[in-house]
């Protein structure tokens, strides 16, 4: 995958992935963000195939990042 595609994906995930507490919301949010990511990548000339070649299914990647954000948020909420 090109360095441009990697940077695009990192930036997109950093900007768009925020904590969701419900598994249903995580899946729905991941689906929405994956579609948005594919569209924005196309706008800047990055083929979705370039991204998927490196990371696989972007919806699964985004869902895992959302789950990580939710776990981190729960961990921070438990701290006094």
PDB file of N, CA and C in Angstrom:
ATOM      1  N   UNK A   1       0.863  -1.175   0.000  1.00  0.00           N
ATOM      2  CA  UNK A   1       0.000   0.000   0.000  1.00  0.00           C
ATOM      3  C   UNK A   1       0.903   1.229   0.000  1.00  0.00           C
ATOM      4  N   UNK A   2       0.478   2.230  -0.723  1.00  0.00           N
ATOM      5  CA  UNK A   2       1.281   3.445  -0.811  1.00  0.00           C
ATOM      6  C   UNK A   2       1.281   4.207   0.514  1.00  0.00           C
ATOM      7  N   UNK A   3       2.343   4.951   0.710  1.00  0.00           N
ATOM      8  CA  UNK A   3       2.454   5.782   1.917  1.00  0.00           C
ATOM      9  C   UNK A   3       1.291   6.771   1.989  1.00  0.00           C
ATOM     10  N   UNK A   4       0.866   7.263   0.838  1.00  0.00           N
ATOM     11  CA  UNK A   4      -0.262   8.200   0.773  1.00  0.00           C
ATOM     12  C   UNK A   4      -1.541   7.539   1.295  1.00  0.00           C
ATOM     13  N   UNK A   5      -1.768   6.292   0.919  1.00  0.00           N
ATOM     14  CA  UNK A   5      -2.959   5.566   1.377  1.00  0.00           C
ATOM     15  C   UNK A   5      -2.893   5.307   2.875  1.00  0.00           C
ATOM     16  N   UNK A   6      -1.715   4.952   3.377  1.00  0.00           N
ATOM     17  CA  UNK A   6      -1.545   4.713   4.813  1.00  0.00           C
ATOM     18  C   UNK A   6      -1.839   5.985   5.595  1.00  0.00           C
ATOM     19  N   UNK A   7      -1.263   7.087   5.168  1.00  0.00           N
ATOM     20  CA  UNK A   7      -1.487   8.366   5.863  1.00  0.00           C
ATOM     21  C   UNK A   7      -2.955   8.769   5.808  1.00  0.00           C
ATOM     22  N   UNK A   8      -3.587   8.558   4.660  1.00  0.00           N
ATOM     23  CA  UNK A   8      -5.008   8.874   4.540  1.00  0.00           C
ATOM     24  C   UNK A   8      -5.816   8.078   5.555  1.00  0.00           C
ATOM     25  N   UNK A   9      -5.583   6.769   5.627  1.00  0.00           N
ATOM     26  CA  UNK A   9      -6.349   5.916   6.531  1.00  0.00           C
ATOM     27  C   UNK A   9      -6.111   6.296   7.986  1.00  0.00           C
ATOM     28  N   UNK A  10      -4.877   6.541   8.364  1.00  0.00           N
ATOM     29  CA  UNK A  10      -4.570   6.971   9.742  1.00  0.00           C
ATOM     30  C   UNK A  10      -5.300   8.263  10.090  1.00  0.00           C
ATOM     31  N   UNK A  11      -5.246   9.216   9.186  1.00  0.00           N
ATOM     32  CA  UNK A  11      -5.931  10.489   9.426  1.00  0.00           C
ATOM     33  C   UNK A  11      -7.435  10.333   9.530  1.00  0.00           C
ATOM     34  N   UNK A  12      -7.996   9.531   8.642  1.00  0.00           N
ATOM     35  CA  UNK A  12      -9.444   9.314   8.654  1.00  0.00           C
ATOM     36  C   UNK A  12      -9.874   8.671   9.967  1.00  0.00           C
ATOM     37  N   UNK A  13      -9.193   7.620  10.379  1.00  0.00           N
ATOM     38  CA  UNK A  13      -9.556   6.934  11.620  1.00  0.00           C
ATOM     39  C   UNK A  13      -9.363   7.864  12.818  1.00  0.00           C
ATOM     40  N   UNK A  14      -8.265   8.591  12.847  1.00  0.00           N
ATOM     41  CA  UNK A  14      -8.022   9.521  13.951  1.00  0.00           C
ATOM     42  C   UNK A  14      -9.088  10.592  14.075  1.00  0.00           C
ATOM     43  N   UNK A  15      -9.591  11.041  12.951  1.00  0.00           N
ATOM     44  CA  UNK A  15     -10.604  12.104  12.943  1.00  0.00           C
ATOM     45  C   UNK A  15     -12.005  11.592  13.231  1.00  0.00           C
ATOM     46  N   UNK A  16     -12.324  10.421  12.723  1.00  0.00           N
ATOM     47  CA  UNK A  16     -13.711   9.954  12.728  1.00  0.00           C
ATOM     48  C   UNK A  16     -14.075   8.936  13.808  1.00  0.00           C
ATOM     49  N   UNK A  17     -13.105   8.192  14.315  1.00  0.00           N
ATOM     50  CA  UNK A  17     -13.423   7.110  15.244  1.00  0.00           C
ATOM     51  C   UNK A  17     -13.501   7.654  16.666  1.00  0.00           C
ATOM     52  N   UNK A  18     -14.709   7.584  17.221  1.00  0.00           N
ATOM     53  CA  UNK A  18     -14.968   8.049  18.578  1.00  0.00           C
ATOM     54  C   UNK A  18     -15.691   6.962  19.351  1.00  0.00           C
ATOM     55  N   UNK A  19     -15.644   7.049  20.638  1.00  0.00           N
ATOM     56  CA  UNK A  19     -16.204   6.031  21.518  1.00  0.00           C
ATOM     57  C   UNK A  19     -17.698   5.818  21.291  1.00  0.00           C
ATOM     58  N   UNK A  20     -18.071   4.550  21.155  1.00  0.00           N
ATOM     59  CA  UNK A  20     -19.467   4.112  21.118  1.00  0.00           C
ATOM     60  C   UNK A  20     -19.583   3.014  22.171  1.00  0.00           C
ATOM     61  N   UNK A  21     -20.600   3.050  22.999  1.00  0.00           N
ATOM     62  CA  UNK A  21     -20.688   2.075  24.088  1.00  0.00           C
ATOM     63  C   UNK A  21     -21.508   0.844  23.744  1.00  0.00           C
ATOM     64  N   UNK A  22     -22.373   0.924  22.799  1.00  0.00           N
ATOM     65  CA  UNK A  22     -23.242  -0.191  22.449  1.00  0.00           C
ATOM     66  C   UNK A  22     -22.661  -0.969  21.269  1.00  0.00           C
ATOM     67  N   UNK A  23     -22.619  -2.318  21.362  1.00  0.00           N
ATOM     68  CA  UNK A  23     -22.129  -3.109  20.221  1.00  0.00           C
ATOM     69  C   UNK A  23     -22.930  -2.850  18.942  1.00  0.00           C
ATOM     70  N   UNK A  24     -24.214  -2.621  19.069  1.00  0.00           N
ATOM     71  CA  UNK A  24     -25.045  -2.326  17.894  1.00  0.00           C
ATOM     72  C   UNK A  24     -24.614  -0.995  17.285  1.00  0.00           C
ATOM     73  N   UNK A  25     -24.369  -0.008  18.131  1.00  0.00           N
ATOM     74  CA  UNK A  25     -23.917   1.297  17.631  1.00  0.00           C
ATOM     75  C   UNK A  25     -22.540   1.190  16.991  1.00  0.00           C
ATOM     76  N   UNK A  26     -21.678   0.368  17.560  1.00  0.00           N
ATOM     77  CA  UNK A  26     -20.335   0.188  16.996  1.00  0.00           C
ATOM     78  C   UNK A  26     -20.428  -0.369  15.583  1.00  0.00           C
ATOM     79  N   UNK A  27     -21.233  -1.411  15.392  1.00  0.00           N
ATOM     80  CA  UNK A  27     -21.355  -2.019  14.064  1.00  0.00           C
ATOM     81  C   UNK A  27     -21.954  -1.045  13.057  1.00  0.00           C
ATOM     82  N   UNK A  28     -22.986  -0.325  13.473  1.00  0.00           N
ATOM     83  CA  UNK A  28     -23.635   0.641  12.576  1.00  0.00           C
ATOM     84  C   UNK A  28     -22.669   1.777  12.239  1.00  0.00           C
ATOM     85  N   UNK A  29     -21.977   2.284  13.248  1.00  0.00           N
ATOM     86  CA  UNK A  29     -21.009   3.363  13.041  1.00  0.00           C
ATOM     87  C   UNK A  29     -19.875   2.891  12.140  1.00  0.00           C
ATOM     88  N   UNK A  30     -19.404   1.654  12.353  1.00  0.00           N
ATOM     89  CA  UNK A  30     -18.318   1.115  11.526  1.00  0.00           C
ATOM     90  C   UNK A  30     -18.750   1.013  10.072  1.00  0.00           C
ATOM     91  N   UNK A  31     -19.968   0.571   9.844  1.00  0.00           N
ATOM     92  CA  UNK A  31     -20.476   0.465   8.471  1.00  0.00           C
ATOM     93  C   UNK A  31     -20.542   1.839   7.810  1.00  0.00           C
ATOM     94  N   UNK A  32     -21.075   2.807   8.536  1.00  0.00           N
ATOM     95  CA  UNK A  32     -21.188   4.169   8.006  1.00  0.00           C
ATOM     96  C   UNK A  32     -19.809   4.754   7.716  1.00  0.00           C
ATOM     97  N   UNK A  33     -18.882   4.599   8.660  1.00  0.00           N
ATOM     98  CA  UNK A  33     -17.548   5.165   8.480  1.00  0.00           C
ATOM     99  C   UNK A  33     -16.770   4.461   7.374  1.00  0.00           C
ATOM    100  N   UNK A  34     -16.965   3.163   7.202  1.00  0.00           N
ATOM    101  CA  UNK A  34     -16.283   2.446   6.121  1.00  0.00           C
ATOM    102  C   UNK A  34     -16.730   2.976   4.763  1.00  0.00           C
ATOM    103  N   UNK A  35     -18.027   3.215   4.623  1.00  0.00           N
ATOM    104  CA  UNK A  35     -18.544   3.780   3.362  1.00  0.00           C
ATOM    105  C   UNK A  35     -17.993   5.187   3.146  1.00  0.00           C
ATOM    106  N   UNK A  36     -17.971   5.981   4.212  1.00  0.00           N
ATOM    107  CA  UNK A  36     -17.456   7.342   4.105  1.00  0.00           C
ATOM    108  C   UNK A  36     -15.960   7.330   3.767  1.00  0.00           C
ATOM    109  N   UNK A  37     -15.221   6.428   4.394  1.00  0.00           N
ATOM    110  CA  UNK A  37     -13.784   6.307   4.126  1.00  0.00           C
ATOM    111  C   UNK A  37     -13.534   5.953   2.660  1.00  0.00           C
ATOM    112  N   UNK A  38     -14.280   4.985   2.146  1.00  0.00           N
ATOM    113  CA  UNK A  38     -14.124   4.579   0.747  1.00  0.00           C
ATOM    114  C   UNK A  38     -14.417   5.741  -0.192  1.00  0.00           C
ATOM    115  N   UNK A  39     -15.458   6.505   0.110  1.00  0.00           N
ATOM    116  CA  UNK A  39     -15.822   7.642  -0.736  1.00  0.00           C
ATOM    117  C   UNK A  39     -14.757   8.725  -0.689  1.00  0.00           C
ATOM    118  N   UNK A  40     -14.271   9.033   0.510  1.00  0.00           N
ATOM    119  CA  UNK A  40     -13.250  10.079   0.643  1.00  0.00           C
ATOM    120  C   UNK A  40     -11.930   9.641   0.011  1.00  0.00           C
ATOM    121  N   UNK A  41     -11.594   8.369   0.148  1.00  0.00           N
ATOM    122  CA  UNK A  41     -10.369   7.863  -0.489  1.00  0.00           C
ATOM    123  C   UNK A  41     -10.470   8.035  -2.000  1.00  0.00           C
ATOM    124  N   UNK A  42     -11.615   7.694  -2.560  1.00  0.00           N
ATOM    125  CA  UNK A  42     -11.822   7.845  -4.001  1.00  0.00           C
ATOM    126  C   UNK A  42     -11.692   9.305  -4.416  1.00  0.00           C
ATOM    127  N   UNK A  43     -12.204  10.221  -3.586  1.00  0.00           N
ATOM    128  CA  UNK A  43     -12.123  11.658  -3.894  1.00  0.00           C
ATOM    129  C   UNK A  43     -10.680  12.132  -4.023  1.00  0.00           C
ATOM    130  N   UNK A  44      -9.794  11.545  -3.219  1.00  0.00           N
ATOM    131  CA  UNK A  44      -8.392  11.977  -3.257  1.00  0.00           C
ATOM    132  C   UNK A  44      -7.527  11.047  -4.106  1.00  0.00           C
ATOM    133  N   UNK A  45      -8.171  10.147  -4.837  1.00  0.00           N
ATOM    134  CA  UNK A  45      -7.461   9.317  -5.791  1.00  0.00           C
ATOM    135  C   UNK A  45      -6.817   8.058  -5.222  1.00  0.00           C
ATOM    136  N   UNK A  46      -7.296   7.618  -4.070  1.00  0.00           N
ATOM    137  CA  UNK A  46      -6.761   6.393  -3.476  1.00  0.00           C
ATOM    138  C   UNK A  46      -7.769   5.272  -3.699  1.00  0.00           C
ATOM    139  N   UNK A  47      -7.401   4.259  -4.468  1.00  0.00           N
ATOM    140  CA  UNK A  47      -8.324   3.139  -4.685  1.00  0.00           C
ATOM    141  C   UNK A  47      -8.553   2.364  -3.383  1.00  0.00           C
ATOM    142  N   UNK A  48      -9.786   1.986  -3.137  1.00  0.00           N
ATOM    143  CA  UNK A  48     -10.122   1.208  -1.959  1.00  0.00           C
ATOM    144  C   UNK A  48      -9.285  -0.069  -1.891  1.00  0.00           C
ATOM    145  N   UNK A  49      -8.980  -0.630  -3.044  1.00  0.00           N
ATOM    146  CA  UNK A  49      -8.186  -1.852  -3.099  1.00  0.00           C
ATOM    147  C   UNK A  49      -6.805  -1.653  -2.483  1.00  0.00           C
ATOM    148  N   UNK A  50      -6.228  -0.448  -2.643  1.00  0.00           N
ATOM    149  CA  UNK A  50      -4.919  -0.166  -2.043  1.00  0.00           C
ATOM    150  C   UNK A  50      -4.989  -0.241  -0.527  1.00  0.00           C
ATOM    151  N   UNK A  51      -6.050   0.267   0.032  1.00  0.00           N
ATOM    152  CA  UNK A  51      -6.218   0.238   1.490  1.00  0.00           C
ATOM    153  C   UNK A  51      -6.494  -1.190   1.954  1.00  0.00           C
ATOM    154  N   UNK A  52      -7.411  -1.859   1.272  1.00  0.00           N
ATOM    155  CA  UNK A  52      -7.787  -3.204   1.684  1.00  0.00           C
ATOM    156  C   UNK A  52      -6.642  -4.201   1.521  1.00  0.00           C
ATOM    157  N   UNK A  53      -5.763  -3.951   0.569  1.00  0.00           N
ATOM    158  CA  UNK A  53      -4.609  -4.816   0.372  1.00  0.00           C
ATOM    159  C   UNK A  53      -3.762  -4.871   1.638  1.00  0.00           C
ATOM    160  N   UNK A  54      -3.661  -3.758   2.325  1.00  0.00           N
ATOM    161  CA  UNK A  54      -2.831  -3.676   3.527  1.00  0.00           C
ATOM    162  C   UNK A  54      -3.584  -4.060   4.797  1.00  0.00           C
ATOM    163  N   UNK A  55      -4.824  -3.612   4.941  1.00  0.00           N
ATOM    164  CA  UNK A  55      -5.536  -3.790   6.219  1.00  0.00           C
ATOM    165  C   UNK A  55      -6.703  -4.756   6.151  1.00  0.00           C
ATOM    166  N   UNK A  56      -7.043  -5.240   4.985  1.00  0.00           N
ATOM    167  CA  UNK A  56      -8.216  -6.114   4.863  1.00  0.00           C
ATOM    168  C   UNK A  56      -9.490  -5.286   4.843  1.00  0.00           C
ATOM    169  N   UNK A  57     -10.507  -5.796   5.458  1.00  0.00           N
ATOM    170  CA  UNK A  57     -11.820  -5.156   5.475  1.00  0.00           C
ATOM    171  C   UNK A  57     -11.776  -3.899   6.350  1.00  0.00           C
ATOM    172  N   UNK A  58     -11.977  -2.737   5.738  1.00  0.00           N
ATOM    173  CA  UNK A  58     -11.878  -1.489   6.515  1.00  0.00           C
ATOM    174  C   UNK A  58     -13.009  -1.374   7.537  1.00  0.00           C
ATOM    175  N   UNK A  59     -14.157  -1.966   7.257  1.00  0.00           N
ATOM    176  CA  UNK A  59     -15.244  -1.927   8.238  1.00  0.00           C
ATOM    177  C   UNK A  59     -14.837  -2.679   9.509  1.00  0.00           C
ATOM    178  N   UNK A  60     -14.193  -3.817   9.356  1.00  0.00           N
ATOM    179  CA  UNK A  60     -13.725  -4.576  10.516  1.00  0.00           C
ATOM    180  C   UNK A  60     -12.649  -3.798  11.272  1.00  0.00           C
ATOM    181  N   UNK A  61     -11.746  -3.150  10.536  1.00  0.00           N
ATOM    182  CA  UNK A  61     -10.708  -2.353  11.174  1.00  0.00           C
ATOM    183  C   UNK A  61     -11.321  -1.214  11.980  1.00  0.00           C
ATOM    184  N   UNK A  62     -12.264  -0.504  11.382  1.00  0.00           N
ATOM    185  CA  UNK A  62     -12.905   0.618  12.070  1.00  0.00           C
ATOM    186  C   UNK A  62     -13.685   0.116  13.282  1.00  0.00           C
ATOM    187  N   UNK A  63     -14.380  -1.005  13.154  1.00  0.00           N
ATOM    188  CA  UNK A  63     -15.124  -1.579  14.289  1.00  0.00           C
ATOM    189  C   UNK A  63     -14.170  -1.906  15.432  1.00  0.00           C
ATOM    190  N   UNK A  64     -13.014  -2.458  15.110  1.00  0.00           N
ATOM    191  CA  UNK A  64     -12.067  -2.789  16.180  1.00  0.00           C
ATOM    192  C   UNK A  64     -11.539  -1.526  16.860  1.00  0.00           C
ATOM    193  N   UNK A  65     -11.327  -0.479  16.080  1.00  0.00           N
ATOM    194  CA  UNK A  65     -10.873   0.794  16.677  1.00  0.00           C
ATOM    195  C   UNK A  65     -11.969   1.406  17.553  1.00  0.00           C
ATOM    196  N   UNK A  66     -13.221   1.298  17.129  1.00  0.00           N
ATOM    197  CA  UNK A  66     -14.333   1.782  17.946  1.00  0.00           C
ATOM    198  C   UNK A  66     -14.425   0.997  19.252  1.00  0.00           C
ATOM    199  N   UNK A  67     -14.238  -0.317  19.181  1.00  0.00           N
ATOM    200  CA  UNK A  67     -14.262  -1.148  20.388  1.00  0.00           C
ATOM    201  C   UNK A  67     -13.118  -0.765  21.326  1.00  0.00           C
ATOM    202  N   UNK A  68     -11.938  -0.527  20.776  1.00  0.00           N
ATOM    203  CA  UNK A  68     -10.798  -0.105  21.584  1.00  0.00           C
ATOM    204  C   UNK A  68     -11.078   1.231  22.265  1.00  0.00           C
ATOM    205  N   UNK A  69     -11.697   2.156  21.543  1.00  0.00           N
ATOM    206  CA  UNK A  69     -12.033   3.462  22.114  1.00  0.00           C
ATOM    207  C   UNK A  69     -13.044   3.308  23.250  1.00  0.00           C
ATOM    208  N   UNK A  70     -14.025   2.417  23.074  1.00  0.00           N
ATOM    209  CA  UNK A  70     -15.030   2.187  24.115  1.00  0.00           C
ATOM    210  C   UNK A  70     -14.382   1.575  25.351  1.00  0.00           C
ATOM    211  N   UNK A  71     -13.472   0.613  25.148  1.00  0.00           N
ATOM    212  CA  UNK A  71     -12.790  -0.015  26.278  1.00  0.00           C
ATOM    213  C   UNK A  71     -11.915   0.993  27.016  1.00  0.00           C
ATOM    214  N   UNK A  72     -11.213   1.838  26.283  1.00  0.00           N
ATOM    215  CA  UNK A  72     -10.369   2.853  26.902  1.00  0.00           C
ATOM    216  C   UNK A  72     -11.220   3.841  27.685  1.00  0.00           C
ATOM    217  N   UNK A  73     -12.357   4.213  27.127  1.00  0.00           N
ATOM    218  CA  UNK A  73     -13.250   5.145  27.802  1.00  0.00           C
ATOM    219  C   UNK A  73     -13.799   4.540  29.087  1.00  0.00           C
ATOM    220  N   UNK A  74     -14.163   3.265  29.044  1.00  0.00           N
ATOM    221  CA  UNK A  74     -14.658   2.586  30.246  1.00  0.00           C
ATOM    222  C   UNK A  74     -13.567   2.491  31.281  1.00  0.00           C
ATOM    223  N   UNK A  75     -12.340   2.242  30.864  1.00  0.00           N
ATOM    224  CA  UNK A  75     -11.214   2.180  31.791  1.00  0.00           C
ATOM    225  C   UNK A  75     -10.953   3.518  32.443  1.00  0.00           C
ATOM    226  N   UNK A  76     -11.081   4.592  31.685  1.00  0.00           N
ATOM    227  CA  UNK A  76     -10.875   5.938  32.228  1.00  0.00           C
ATOM    228  C   UNK A  76     -12.019   6.320  33.161  1.00  0.00           C
ATOM    229  N   UNK A  77     -13.228   5.863  32.889  1.00  0.00           N
ATOM    230  CA  UNK A  77     -14.386   6.189  33.721  1.00  0.00           C
ATOM    231  C   UNK A  77     -14.268   5.492  35.078  1.00  0.00           C
ATOM    232  N   UNK A  78     -13.607   4.350  35.111  1.00  0.00           N
ATOM    233  CA  UNK A  78     -13.475   3.600  36.357  1.00  0.00           C
ATOM    234  C   UNK A  78     -12.429   4.207  37.292  1.00  0.00           C
ATOM    235  N   UNK A  79     -11.532   5.034  36.744  1.00  0.00           N
ATOM    236  CA  UNK A  79     -10.487   5.646  37.557  1.00  0.00           C
ATOM    237  C   UNK A  79     -11.055   6.823  38.333  1.00  0.00           C
ATOM    238  N   UNK A  80     -10.689   6.944  39.607  1.00  0.00           N
ATOM    239  CA  UNK A  80     -11.191   8.085  40.408  1.00  0.00           C
ATOM    240  C   UNK A  80     -10.544   9.379  40.028  1.00  0.00           C
TER     241      UNK A  80
END
